[in-house]
């Protein structure tokens, strides 16, 4: 079996924690970034959890250049 992910070390955080930290630092993330950086194939599911469980205000932008993809932008956190 071929390993397609180039990860040098295991993360101490879950994918949800990694995505949350990424958004807090960079404010945006795309599915390709999530896959490359954190091995996350289902970014939309993680965003759903961050919105509903952790009460983050995350906006979805649909980008349509050569390929159609979503870009998630952190707006803040609900009280």
C-alpha atoms as a PDB file:
ATOM      1  CA  UNK A   1       0.000   0.000   0.000  1.00  0.00           C
ATOM      2  CA  UNK A   2       1.306   3.441  -0.926  1.00  0.00           C
ATOM      3  CA  UNK A   3       1.336   6.192   1.678  1.00  0.00           C
ATOM      4  CA  UNK A   4       0.096   9.362  -0.052  1.00  0.00           C
ATOM      5  CA  UNK A   5       0.320  11.569   3.028  1.00  0.00           C
ATOM      6  CA  UNK A   6       3.703  13.084   3.818  1.00  0.00           C
ATOM      7  CA  UNK A   7       3.452  13.357   7.566  1.00  0.00           C
ATOM      8  CA  UNK A   8       6.646  13.317   9.542  1.00  0.00           C
ATOM      9  CA  UNK A   9       5.055  13.112  12.962  1.00  0.00           C
ATOM     10  CA  UNK A  10       1.728  12.320  14.562  1.00  0.00           C
ATOM     11  CA  UNK A  11      -0.335  15.221  15.791  1.00  0.00           C
ATOM     12  CA  UNK A  12      -1.152  15.389  19.476  1.00  0.00           C
ATOM     13  CA  UNK A  13      -4.462  17.061  18.602  1.00  0.00           C
ATOM     14  CA  UNK A  14      -7.593  15.760  16.910  1.00  0.00           C
ATOM     15  CA  UNK A  15      -8.505  16.966  13.430  1.00  0.00           C
ATOM     16  CA  UNK A  16     -11.197  19.153  14.979  1.00  0.00           C
ATOM     17  CA  UNK A  17      -8.675  20.775  17.323  1.00  0.00           C
ATOM     18  CA  UNK A  18      -6.194  21.272  14.472  1.00  0.00           C
ATOM     19  CA  UNK A  19      -8.832  22.905  12.244  1.00  0.00           C
ATOM     20  CA  UNK A  20     -10.024  25.094  15.134  1.00  0.00           C
ATOM     21  CA  UNK A  21      -6.459  26.247  15.881  1.00  0.00           C
ATOM     22  CA  UNK A  22      -5.820  26.882  12.183  1.00  0.00           C
ATOM     23  CA  UNK A  23      -8.927  29.071  11.916  1.00  0.00           C
ATOM     24  CA  UNK A  24      -8.023  30.996  15.065  1.00  0.00           C
ATOM     25  CA  UNK A  25      -4.570  31.795  13.646  1.00  0.00           C
ATOM     26  CA  UNK A  26      -5.248  32.151   9.892  1.00  0.00           C
ATOM     27  CA  UNK A  27      -9.066  32.804   9.852  1.00  0.00           C
ATOM     28  CA  UNK A  28      -9.552  30.813   6.608  1.00  0.00           C
ATOM     29  CA  UNK A  29      -9.163  27.225   5.432  1.00  0.00           C
ATOM     30  CA  UNK A  30      -9.936  25.234   2.286  1.00  0.00           C
ATOM     31  CA  UNK A  31     -10.482  21.478   1.935  1.00  0.00           C
ATOM     32  CA  UNK A  32      -7.128  21.091   0.168  1.00  0.00           C
ATOM     33  CA  UNK A  33      -5.296  22.854   3.019  1.00  0.00           C
ATOM     34  CA  UNK A  34      -7.097  20.677   5.568  1.00  0.00           C
ATOM     35  CA  UNK A  35      -6.118  17.536   3.677  1.00  0.00           C
ATOM     36  CA  UNK A  36      -2.478  18.527   3.192  1.00  0.00           C
ATOM     37  CA  UNK A  37      -1.885  19.934   6.677  1.00  0.00           C
ATOM     38  CA  UNK A  38      -4.057  17.711   8.878  1.00  0.00           C
ATOM     39  CA  UNK A  39      -5.101  14.678   6.805  1.00  0.00           C
ATOM     40  CA  UNK A  40      -8.735  15.788   7.029  1.00  0.00           C
ATOM     41  CA  UNK A  41     -10.868  14.433   4.164  1.00  0.00           C
ATOM     42  CA  UNK A  42     -14.193  15.728   5.537  1.00  0.00           C
ATOM     43  CA  UNK A  43     -13.604  19.362   6.395  1.00  0.00           C
ATOM     44  CA  UNK A  44     -17.298  20.179   6.062  1.00  0.00           C
ATOM     45  CA  UNK A  45     -18.097  17.732   8.876  1.00  0.00           C
ATOM     46  CA  UNK A  46     -15.501  19.365  11.140  1.00  0.00           C
ATOM     47  CA  UNK A  47     -16.862  22.836  10.288  1.00  0.00           C
ATOM     48  CA  UNK A  48     -20.382  21.591  11.120  1.00  0.00           C
ATOM     49  CA  UNK A  49     -19.183  20.478  14.562  1.00  0.00           C
ATOM     50  CA  UNK A  50     -17.356  23.755  15.178  1.00  0.00           C
ATOM     51  CA  UNK A  51     -20.522  25.669  14.268  1.00  0.00           C
ATOM     52  CA  UNK A  52     -22.981  23.590  16.287  1.00  0.00           C
ATOM     53  CA  UNK A  53     -20.998  22.176  19.208  1.00  0.00           C
ATOM     54  CA  UNK A  54     -18.524  25.003  19.800  1.00  0.00           C
ATOM     55  CA  UNK A  55     -20.715  27.898  18.561  1.00  0.00           C
ATOM     56  CA  UNK A  56     -18.243  29.366  16.053  1.00  0.00           C
ATOM     57  CA  UNK A  57     -19.555  31.763  13.406  1.00  0.00           C
ATOM     58  CA  UNK A  58     -17.969  30.361  10.244  1.00  0.00           C
ATOM     59  CA  UNK A  59     -18.958  31.652   6.814  1.00  0.00           C
ATOM     60  CA  UNK A  60     -18.791  29.470   3.691  1.00  0.00           C
ATOM     61  CA  UNK A  61     -17.651  30.983   0.408  1.00  0.00           C
ATOM     62  CA  UNK A  62     -17.960  28.936  -2.780  1.00  0.00           C
ATOM     63  CA  UNK A  63     -14.957  29.631  -5.004  1.00  0.00           C
ATOM     64  CA  UNK A  64     -15.199  28.831  -8.687  1.00  0.00           C
ATOM     65  CA  UNK A  65     -11.964  29.329 -10.581  1.00  0.00           C
ATOM     66  CA  UNK A  66     -10.799  26.233 -12.463  1.00  0.00           C
ATOM     67  CA  UNK A  67     -12.456  23.957  -9.903  1.00  0.00           C
ATOM     68  CA  UNK A  68     -15.365  24.568  -7.541  1.00  0.00           C
ATOM     69  CA  UNK A  69     -14.497  24.381  -3.837  1.00  0.00           C
ATOM     70  CA  UNK A  70     -15.494  25.851  -0.484  1.00  0.00           C
ATOM     71  CA  UNK A  71     -13.487  28.286   1.577  1.00  0.00           C
ATOM     72  CA  UNK A  72     -14.371  28.656   5.264  1.00  0.00           C
ATOM     73  CA  UNK A  73     -13.856  31.962   7.049  1.00  0.00           C
ATOM     74  CA  UNK A  74     -13.969  32.371  10.825  1.00  0.00           C
ATOM     75  CA  UNK A  75     -16.034  35.430  11.775  1.00  0.00           C
ATOM     76  CA  UNK A  76     -16.064  34.937  15.535  1.00  0.00           C
ATOM     77  CA  UNK A  77     -17.693  32.947  18.303  1.00  0.00           C
ATOM     78  CA  UNK A  78     -21.243  33.227  19.588  1.00  0.00           C
ATOM     79  CA  UNK A  79     -21.695  33.871  23.317  1.00  0.00           C
END
